[in-house]
Amino acid sequence: MSMVKESVEVEVPIHTAYNQWTQFEEFPEFMEGVEEVRQLDDLHNHWITKIGGVRREFDTEIVDQLPDERIAWRTVGGDTKQMGMVHFRRLDDTHTRVELVMDVEPSGAAEKTAAVTGMIDRRIKGDMRRFKEYIEQRGGESGSWRGRVTPG
């Protein structure tokens, strides 16, 4: 697996950053290569991505979620293997650090090449910068889901 870590400081309160991150269907607005995310229920999402000309569909499951602190997920079934966690850290009343850690297992030749050349790392760094721009320009979240998901 290839591990990627990235963090950004966003100029919004922690609840705003967290709430927006729970709006998975809006990820294509700031995530390059993500064509669609469909929320199936509180724990599951269906993703359609196109990266390096390769189109993939896969499902993810949220395995840990604590409002204003973290969201962790993993893929379920299919060829795409990844897991990750996003942490939210309050810096002050109007600033939050958003930290993303992902483990991605490239499944095809294009994905393996992307991992070796650093393309996956650059894409995730770009996605985090675009999230910063997205939430700061909005000035507020478009919705929220503040349920608790406990591991296990």
N, C-alpha and C. Protein backbone atom coordinates (compact mmCIF):
# COMPACT_ATOMS: atom_id res chain seq x y z
N MET A 1 0.84 -1.19 0.00
CA MET A 1 0.00 0.00 0.00
C MET A 1 0.88 1.24 0.00
N SER A 2 0.35 2.28 -0.57
CA SER A 2 1.03 3.56 -0.64
C SER A 2 0.35 4.52 0.34
N MET A 3 1.10 5.06 1.29
CA MET A 3 0.52 5.96 2.28
C MET A 3 0.72 7.41 1.85
N VAL A 4 -0.34 8.18 1.98
CA VAL A 4 -0.30 9.60 1.66
C VAL A 4 -0.80 10.37 2.87
N LYS A 5 -0.09 11.43 3.23
CA LYS A 5 -0.49 12.31 4.33
C LYS A 5 -0.50 13.73 3.82
N GLU A 6 -1.53 14.48 4.19
CA GLU A 6 -1.59 15.88 3.81
C GLU A 6 -2.48 16.61 4.80
N SER A 7 -2.15 17.86 5.06
CA SER A 7 -3.00 18.67 5.94
C SER A 7 -3.08 20.08 5.38
N VAL A 8 -4.19 20.73 5.68
CA VAL A 8 -4.40 22.12 5.31
C VAL A 8 -5.04 22.83 6.50
N GLU A 9 -4.75 24.11 6.59
CA GLU A 9 -5.41 24.95 7.57
C GLU A 9 -6.51 25.71 6.84
N VAL A 10 -7.73 25.58 7.33
CA VAL A 10 -8.86 26.27 6.71
C VAL A 10 -9.36 27.36 7.64
N GLU A 11 -9.80 28.44 7.03
CA GLU A 11 -10.26 29.59 7.81
C GLU A 11 -11.77 29.49 8.03
N VAL A 12 -12.17 28.44 8.75
CA VAL A 12 -13.56 28.24 9.18
C VAL A 12 -13.51 27.52 10.53
N PRO A 13 -14.56 27.65 11.33
CA PRO A 13 -14.60 26.92 12.60
C PRO A 13 -14.60 25.41 12.37
N ILE A 14 -14.19 24.66 13.39
CA ILE A 14 -14.06 23.21 13.26
C ILE A 14 -15.38 22.56 12.85
N HIS A 15 -16.51 23.01 13.40
CA HIS A 15 -17.78 22.37 13.05
C HIS A 15 -18.14 22.60 11.58
N THR A 16 -17.74 23.73 11.02
CA THR A 16 -18.02 24.01 9.61
C THR A 16 -17.20 23.08 8.71
N ALA A 17 -15.90 22.95 9.00
CA ALA A 17 -15.04 22.06 8.21
C ALA A 17 -15.52 20.61 8.30
N TYR A 18 -15.82 20.17 9.51
CA TYR A 18 -16.28 18.79 9.71
C TYR A 18 -17.60 18.56 8.99
N ASN A 19 -18.56 19.46 9.21
CA ASN A 19 -19.88 19.29 8.60
C ASN A 19 -19.79 19.19 7.08
N GLN A 20 -18.96 20.05 6.47
CA GLN A 20 -18.84 20.00 5.01
C GLN A 20 -18.23 18.69 4.56
N TRP A 21 -17.26 18.17 5.31
CA TRP A 21 -16.63 16.91 4.91
C TRP A 21 -17.63 15.76 4.93
N THR A 22 -18.68 15.85 5.72
CA THR A 22 -19.69 14.78 5.76
C THR A 22 -20.62 14.82 4.56
N GLN A 23 -20.50 15.82 3.72
CA GLN A 23 -21.33 15.95 2.52
C GLN A 23 -20.62 15.28 1.34
N PHE A 24 -20.55 13.95 1.40
CA PHE A 24 -19.77 13.16 0.46
C PHE A 24 -20.17 13.38 -0.99
N GLU A 25 -21.44 13.60 -1.25
CA GLU A 25 -21.90 13.77 -2.63
C GLU A 25 -21.36 15.05 -3.27
N GLU A 26 -20.80 15.95 -2.48
CA GLU A 26 -20.20 17.17 -3.01
C GLU A 26 -18.69 17.03 -3.26
N PHE A 27 -18.10 15.87 -2.96
CA PHE A 27 -16.67 15.68 -3.17
C PHE A 27 -16.22 15.97 -4.61
N PRO A 28 -17.02 15.65 -5.65
CA PRO A 28 -16.57 15.97 -7.01
C PRO A 28 -16.32 17.47 -7.23
N GLU A 29 -16.86 18.32 -6.37
CA GLU A 29 -16.64 19.76 -6.50
C GLU A 29 -15.19 20.16 -6.23
N PHE A 30 -14.47 19.35 -5.44
CA PHE A 30 -13.09 19.71 -5.12
C PHE A 30 -12.10 18.56 -5.26
N MET A 31 -12.57 17.36 -5.56
CA MET A 31 -11.66 16.22 -5.72
C MET A 31 -11.50 15.88 -7.19
N GLU A 32 -10.28 16.07 -7.67
CA GLU A 32 -9.96 15.78 -9.06
C GLU A 32 -10.07 14.28 -9.32
N GLY A 33 -10.71 13.91 -10.40
CA GLY A 33 -10.84 12.50 -10.75
C GLY A 33 -12.05 11.83 -10.15
N VAL A 34 -12.75 12.49 -9.22
CA VAL A 34 -13.96 11.92 -8.64
C VAL A 34 -15.14 12.43 -9.45
N GLU A 35 -15.78 11.51 -10.17
CA GLU A 35 -16.90 11.91 -11.01
C GLU A 35 -18.21 11.96 -10.24
N GLU A 36 -18.38 11.01 -9.30
CA GLU A 36 -19.64 10.96 -8.55
C GLU A 36 -19.43 10.20 -7.25
N VAL A 37 -20.11 10.67 -6.21
CA VAL A 37 -20.21 9.94 -4.95
C VAL A 37 -21.69 9.91 -4.60
N ARG A 38 -22.20 8.73 -4.39
CA ARG A 38 -23.61 8.56 -4.03
C ARG A 38 -23.67 7.97 -2.63
N GLN A 39 -24.31 8.67 -1.73
CA GLN A 39 -24.43 8.16 -0.36
C GLN A 39 -25.57 7.15 -0.33
N LEU A 40 -25.25 5.91 0.02
CA LEU A 40 -26.22 4.82 0.02
C LEU A 40 -27.00 4.76 1.33
N ASP A 41 -26.30 5.02 2.44
CA ASP A 41 -26.92 5.10 3.77
C ASP A 41 -25.93 5.84 4.66
N ASP A 42 -26.15 5.84 5.97
CA ASP A 42 -25.27 6.59 6.87
C ASP A 42 -23.82 6.10 6.86
N LEU A 43 -23.61 4.85 6.49
CA LEU A 43 -22.26 4.27 6.55
C LEU A 43 -21.61 4.00 5.20
N HIS A 44 -22.38 3.97 4.12
CA HIS A 44 -21.85 3.50 2.83
C HIS A 44 -22.02 4.52 1.71
N ASN A 45 -20.98 4.61 0.88
CA ASN A 45 -20.99 5.48 -0.29
C ASN A 45 -20.52 4.70 -1.51
N HIS A 46 -21.09 5.04 -2.66
CA HIS A 46 -20.66 4.45 -3.93
C HIS A 46 -19.92 5.53 -4.71
N TRP A 47 -18.69 5.21 -5.14
CA TRP A 47 -17.81 6.16 -5.82
C TRP A 47 -17.64 5.77 -7.28
N ILE A 48 -17.55 6.79 -8.13
CA ILE A 48 -17.14 6.61 -9.52
C ILE A 48 -15.99 7.58 -9.74
N THR A 49 -14.83 7.02 -10.11
CA THR A 49 -13.64 7.84 -10.33
C THR A 49 -13.08 7.58 -11.73
N LYS A 50 -12.33 8.54 -12.21
CA LYS A 50 -11.60 8.36 -13.46
C LYS A 50 -10.25 9.02 -13.27
N ILE A 51 -9.24 8.18 -13.14
CA ILE A 51 -7.88 8.65 -12.87
C ILE A 51 -6.94 8.03 -13.89
N GLY A 52 -6.19 8.87 -14.56
CA GLY A 52 -5.27 8.38 -15.58
C GLY A 52 -5.97 7.63 -16.69
N GLY A 53 -7.20 8.04 -17.00
CA GLY A 53 -7.97 7.39 -18.05
C GLY A 53 -8.65 6.10 -17.63
N VAL A 54 -8.47 5.69 -16.37
CA VAL A 54 -9.06 4.45 -15.87
C VAL A 54 -10.26 4.78 -15.01
N ARG A 55 -11.41 4.24 -15.38
CA ARG A 55 -12.65 4.48 -14.64
C ARG A 55 -12.87 3.33 -13.66
N ARG A 56 -13.15 3.68 -12.42
CA ARG A 56 -13.39 2.68 -11.37
C ARG A 56 -14.68 3.01 -10.62
N GLU A 57 -15.36 1.97 -10.19
CA GLU A 57 -16.50 2.11 -9.29
C GLU A 57 -16.23 1.24 -8.08
N PHE A 58 -16.48 1.79 -6.90
CA PHE A 58 -16.25 1.04 -5.67
C PHE A 58 -17.11 1.62 -4.56
N ASP A 59 -17.23 0.85 -3.50
CA ASP A 59 -17.99 1.28 -2.33
C ASP A 59 -17.06 1.47 -1.15
N THR A 60 -17.41 2.42 -0.30
CA THR A 60 -16.68 2.63 0.95
C THR A 60 -17.63 2.51 2.12
N GLU A 61 -17.05 2.18 3.26
CA GLU A 61 -17.80 2.05 4.51
C GLU A 61 -17.12 2.91 5.56
N ILE A 62 -17.89 3.73 6.24
CA ILE A 62 -17.36 4.50 7.35
C ILE A 62 -17.26 3.56 8.55
N VAL A 63 -16.07 3.50 9.15
CA VAL A 63 -15.83 2.57 10.25
C VAL A 63 -15.65 3.29 11.59
N ASP A 64 -15.45 4.60 11.56
CA ASP A 64 -15.29 5.38 12.79
C ASP A 64 -15.61 6.83 12.45
N GLN A 65 -16.50 7.41 13.23
CA GLN A 65 -16.85 8.80 13.00
C GLN A 65 -17.22 9.44 14.33
N LEU A 66 -16.50 10.51 14.67
CA LEU A 66 -16.75 11.26 15.88
C LEU A 66 -16.85 12.74 15.49
N PRO A 67 -18.04 13.34 15.62
CA PRO A 67 -18.22 14.72 15.17
C PRO A 67 -17.13 15.67 15.68
N ASP A 68 -16.69 16.52 14.75
CA ASP A 68 -15.67 17.54 14.99
C ASP A 68 -14.30 16.97 15.32
N GLU A 69 -14.11 15.66 15.14
CA GLU A 69 -12.81 15.06 15.43
C GLU A 69 -12.27 14.21 14.30
N ARG A 70 -13.03 13.21 13.82
CA ARG A 70 -12.48 12.31 12.80
C ARG A 70 -13.57 11.55 12.05
N ILE A 71 -13.16 11.10 10.85
CA ILE A 71 -13.95 10.19 10.03
C ILE A 71 -12.96 9.20 9.43
N ALA A 72 -13.23 7.91 9.59
CA ALA A 72 -12.37 6.86 9.02
C ALA A 72 -13.22 5.97 8.13
N TRP A 73 -12.61 5.48 7.04
CA TRP A 73 -13.33 4.64 6.09
C TRP A 73 -12.41 3.60 5.49
N ARG A 74 -13.04 2.65 4.80
CA ARG A 74 -12.30 1.64 4.04
C ARG A 74 -13.17 1.22 2.87
N THR A 75 -12.54 0.70 1.84
CA THR A 75 -13.31 0.18 0.72
C THR A 75 -13.84 -1.19 1.12
N VAL A 76 -14.96 -1.55 0.51
CA VAL A 76 -15.55 -2.87 0.74
C VAL A 76 -15.83 -3.49 -0.63
N GLY A 77 -15.35 -4.73 -0.79
CA GLY A 77 -15.55 -5.43 -2.06
C GLY A 77 -14.80 -4.76 -3.20
N GLY A 78 -14.84 -5.37 -4.36
CA GLY A 78 -14.26 -4.78 -5.56
C GLY A 78 -12.74 -4.84 -5.60
N ASP A 79 -12.18 -4.24 -6.66
CA ASP A 79 -10.74 -4.27 -6.90
C ASP A 79 -10.00 -3.14 -6.20
N THR A 80 -10.69 -2.06 -5.88
CA THR A 80 -10.04 -0.90 -5.29
C THR A 80 -9.86 -1.14 -3.79
N LYS A 81 -8.62 -0.97 -3.33
CA LYS A 81 -8.31 -1.18 -1.91
C LYS A 81 -7.73 0.10 -1.35
N GLN A 82 -8.43 0.67 -0.38
CA GLN A 82 -7.92 1.85 0.30
C GLN A 82 -8.58 1.98 1.66
N MET A 83 -7.93 2.73 2.52
CA MET A 83 -8.51 3.09 3.80
C MET A 83 -7.93 4.44 4.16
N GLY A 84 -8.64 5.14 4.99
CA GLY A 84 -8.14 6.46 5.34
C GLY A 84 -8.85 7.04 6.54
N MET A 85 -8.30 8.16 7.00
CA MET A 85 -8.89 8.87 8.12
C MET A 85 -8.62 10.35 7.92
N VAL A 86 -9.63 11.16 8.21
CA VAL A 86 -9.46 12.60 8.20
C VAL A 86 -9.70 13.09 9.63
N HIS A 87 -8.75 13.89 10.14
CA HIS A 87 -8.82 14.45 11.48
C HIS A 87 -9.09 15.95 11.37
N PHE A 88 -9.83 16.46 12.32
CA PHE A 88 -10.11 17.89 12.40
C PHE A 88 -9.57 18.40 13.73
N ARG A 89 -8.73 19.41 13.68
CA ARG A 89 -8.12 19.96 14.89
C ARG A 89 -8.43 21.45 14.98
N ARG A 90 -9.05 21.85 16.06
CA ARG A 90 -9.37 23.25 16.28
C ARG A 90 -8.08 24.02 16.57
N LEU A 91 -7.84 25.08 15.81
CA LEU A 91 -6.69 25.94 16.05
C LEU A 91 -7.10 27.16 16.86
N ASP A 92 -8.25 27.71 16.53
CA ASP A 92 -8.89 28.79 17.30
C ASP A 92 -10.35 28.85 16.85
N ASP A 93 -11.06 29.87 17.22
CA ASP A 93 -12.50 29.93 16.90
C ASP A 93 -12.80 29.95 15.41
N THR A 94 -11.85 30.38 14.59
CA THR A 94 -12.12 30.52 13.16
C THR A 94 -11.13 29.78 12.26
N HIS A 95 -10.28 28.93 12.83
CA HIS A 95 -9.30 28.18 12.04
C HIS A 95 -9.26 26.72 12.47
N THR A 96 -9.16 25.84 11.48
CA THR A 96 -9.14 24.40 11.71
C THR A 96 -8.07 23.76 10.85
N ARG A 97 -7.36 22.81 11.40
CA ARG A 97 -6.42 22.01 10.62
C ARG A 97 -7.16 20.72 10.24
N VAL A 98 -7.14 20.42 8.94
CA VAL A 98 -7.75 19.20 8.41
C VAL A 98 -6.60 18.32 7.95
N GLU A 99 -6.47 17.15 8.57
CA GLU A 99 -5.36 16.23 8.29
C GLU A 99 -5.91 14.94 7.70
N LEU A 100 -5.41 14.58 6.53
CA LEU A 100 -5.85 13.38 5.83
C LEU A 100 -4.71 12.39 5.74
N VAL A 101 -4.98 11.14 6.10
CA VAL A 101 -4.02 10.04 5.93
C VAL A 101 -4.75 8.95 5.17
N MET A 102 -4.15 8.51 4.06
CA MET A 102 -4.77 7.45 3.25
C MET A 102 -3.75 6.39 2.90
N ASP A 103 -4.19 5.14 2.92
CA ASP A 103 -3.43 4.02 2.40
C ASP A 103 -4.15 3.55 1.14
N VAL A 104 -3.45 3.58 0.03
CA VAL A 104 -4.04 3.20 -1.25
C VAL A 104 -3.22 2.07 -1.83
N GLU A 105 -3.90 1.00 -2.24
CA GLU A 105 -3.21 -0.11 -2.91
C GLU A 105 -3.54 -0.03 -4.40
N PRO A 106 -2.58 0.37 -5.22
CA PRO A 106 -2.82 0.47 -6.65
C PRO A 106 -3.18 -0.91 -7.22
N SER A 107 -4.24 -0.95 -8.07
CA SER A 107 -4.71 -2.25 -8.54
C SER A 107 -4.36 -2.55 -9.99
N GLY A 108 -4.11 -1.56 -10.79
CA GLY A 108 -3.80 -1.79 -12.20
C GLY A 108 -2.50 -1.12 -12.58
N ALA A 109 -2.10 -1.29 -13.82
CA ALA A 109 -0.83 -0.72 -14.30
C ALA A 109 -0.83 0.80 -14.19
N ALA A 110 -1.95 1.44 -14.55
CA ALA A 110 -2.02 2.91 -14.49
C ALA A 110 -1.89 3.39 -13.05
N GLU A 111 -2.59 2.72 -12.13
CA GLU A 111 -2.52 3.12 -10.73
C GLU A 111 -1.14 2.88 -10.13
N LYS A 112 -0.51 1.77 -10.51
CA LYS A 112 0.84 1.49 -10.00
C LYS A 112 1.84 2.53 -10.50
N THR A 113 1.70 2.91 -11.76
CA THR A 113 2.56 3.96 -12.31
C THR A 113 2.30 5.28 -11.60
N ALA A 114 1.03 5.59 -11.36
CA ALA A 114 0.68 6.83 -10.66
C ALA A 114 1.28 6.86 -9.26
N ALA A 115 1.29 5.73 -8.58
CA ALA A 115 1.86 5.67 -7.22
C ALA A 115 3.37 5.87 -7.26
N VAL A 116 4.04 5.20 -8.20
CA VAL A 116 5.50 5.28 -8.30
C VAL A 116 5.95 6.69 -8.67
N THR A 117 5.21 7.34 -9.55
CA THR A 117 5.60 8.68 -10.02
C THR A 117 5.15 9.80 -9.08
N GLY A 118 4.42 9.44 -8.02
CA GLY A 118 3.97 10.46 -7.07
C GLY A 118 2.67 11.14 -7.47
N MET A 119 2.02 10.66 -8.52
CA MET A 119 0.79 11.29 -8.98
C MET A 119 -0.33 11.20 -7.95
N ILE A 120 -0.44 10.08 -7.26
CA ILE A 120 -1.49 9.92 -6.24
C ILE A 120 -1.26 10.93 -5.12
N ASP A 121 -0.03 11.04 -4.67
CA ASP A 121 0.32 11.99 -3.62
C ASP A 121 -0.01 13.43 -4.05
N ARG A 122 0.37 13.81 -5.26
CA ARG A 122 0.09 15.17 -5.76
C ARG A 122 -1.40 15.42 -5.91
N ARG A 123 -2.13 14.41 -6.34
CA ARG A 123 -3.57 14.57 -6.51
C ARG A 123 -4.24 14.81 -5.16
N ILE A 124 -3.87 14.06 -4.14
CA ILE A 124 -4.47 14.23 -2.82
C ILE A 124 -4.09 15.59 -2.23
N LYS A 125 -2.85 16.00 -2.41
CA LYS A 125 -2.44 17.34 -1.95
C LYS A 125 -3.28 18.41 -2.64
N GLY A 126 -3.50 18.25 -3.94
CA GLY A 126 -4.34 19.19 -4.68
C GLY A 126 -5.78 19.17 -4.20
N ASP A 127 -6.30 17.98 -3.91
CA ASP A 127 -7.67 17.87 -3.40
C ASP A 127 -7.82 18.61 -2.08
N MET A 128 -6.83 18.52 -1.23
CA MET A 128 -6.90 19.21 0.06
C MET A 128 -6.85 20.73 -0.12
N ARG A 129 -6.01 21.20 -1.03
CA ARG A 129 -5.97 22.65 -1.33
C ARG A 129 -7.32 23.11 -1.88
N ARG A 130 -7.90 22.29 -2.76
CA ARG A 130 -9.20 22.66 -3.33
C ARG A 130 -10.30 22.61 -2.28
N PHE A 131 -10.22 21.69 -1.30
CA PHE A 131 -11.19 21.69 -0.20
C PHE A 131 -11.09 23.00 0.57
N LYS A 132 -9.88 23.44 0.84
CA LYS A 132 -9.67 24.70 1.54
C LYS A 132 -10.35 25.85 0.80
N GLU A 133 -10.09 25.94 -0.50
CA GLU A 133 -10.71 27.00 -1.30
C GLU A 133 -12.22 26.86 -1.31
N TYR A 134 -12.71 25.64 -1.45
CA TYR A 134 -14.15 25.36 -1.53
C TYR A 134 -14.87 25.83 -0.26
N ILE A 135 -14.38 25.41 0.90
CA ILE A 135 -15.07 25.73 2.14
C ILE A 135 -14.90 27.20 2.51
N GLU A 136 -13.75 27.77 2.24
CA GLU A 136 -13.55 29.18 2.57
C GLU A 136 -14.39 30.09 1.66
N GLN A 137 -14.53 29.74 0.40
CA GLN A 137 -15.36 30.54 -0.50
C GLN A 137 -16.83 30.43 -0.14
N ARG A 138 -17.26 29.24 0.28
CA ARG A 138 -18.66 29.05 0.69
C ARG A 138 -18.96 29.84 1.95
N GLY A 139 -17.98 29.87 2.87
CA GLY A 139 -18.17 30.55 4.13
C GLY A 139 -18.99 29.77 5.14
N GLY A 140 -19.58 28.68 4.72
CA GLY A 140 -20.37 27.83 5.61
C GLY A 140 -20.60 26.49 4.95
N GLU A 141 -21.04 25.55 5.74
CA GLU A 141 -21.27 24.21 5.23
C GLU A 141 -22.58 24.14 4.47
N SER A 142 -22.68 23.20 3.53
CA SER A 142 -23.90 23.01 2.76
C SER A 142 -24.85 22.03 3.45
N GLY A 143 -24.41 21.38 4.49
CA GLY A 143 -25.21 20.42 5.23
C GLY A 143 -24.34 19.77 6.28
N SER A 144 -24.89 18.78 6.97
CA SER A 144 -24.09 18.09 7.98
C SER A 144 -24.72 16.75 8.32
N TRP A 145 -23.89 15.86 8.82
CA TRP A 145 -24.36 14.63 9.45
C TRP A 145 -23.47 14.44 10.66
N ARG A 146 -24.06 14.51 11.83
CA ARG A 146 -23.27 14.52 13.05
C ARG A 146 -23.46 13.25 13.88
N GLY A 147 -23.80 12.16 13.20
CA GLY A 147 -23.96 10.89 13.90
C GLY A 147 -22.63 10.32 14.34
N ARG A 148 -22.67 9.43 15.28
CA ARG A 148 -21.48 8.75 15.81
C ARG A 148 -21.43 7.35 15.26
N VAL A 149 -20.29 6.97 14.71
CA VAL A 149 -20.04 5.61 14.25
C VAL A 149 -18.89 5.10 15.07
N THR A 150 -19.09 3.97 15.76
CA THR A 150 -18.03 3.43 16.60
C THR A 150 -17.36 2.25 15.90
N PRO A 151 -16.03 2.16 16.02
CA PRO A 151 -15.31 1.05 15.38
C PRO A 151 -15.80 -0.31 15.89
N GLY A 152 -15.71 -1.29 14.99
CA GLY A 152 -16.05 -2.66 15.39
C GLY A 152 -17.45 -2.96 15.06
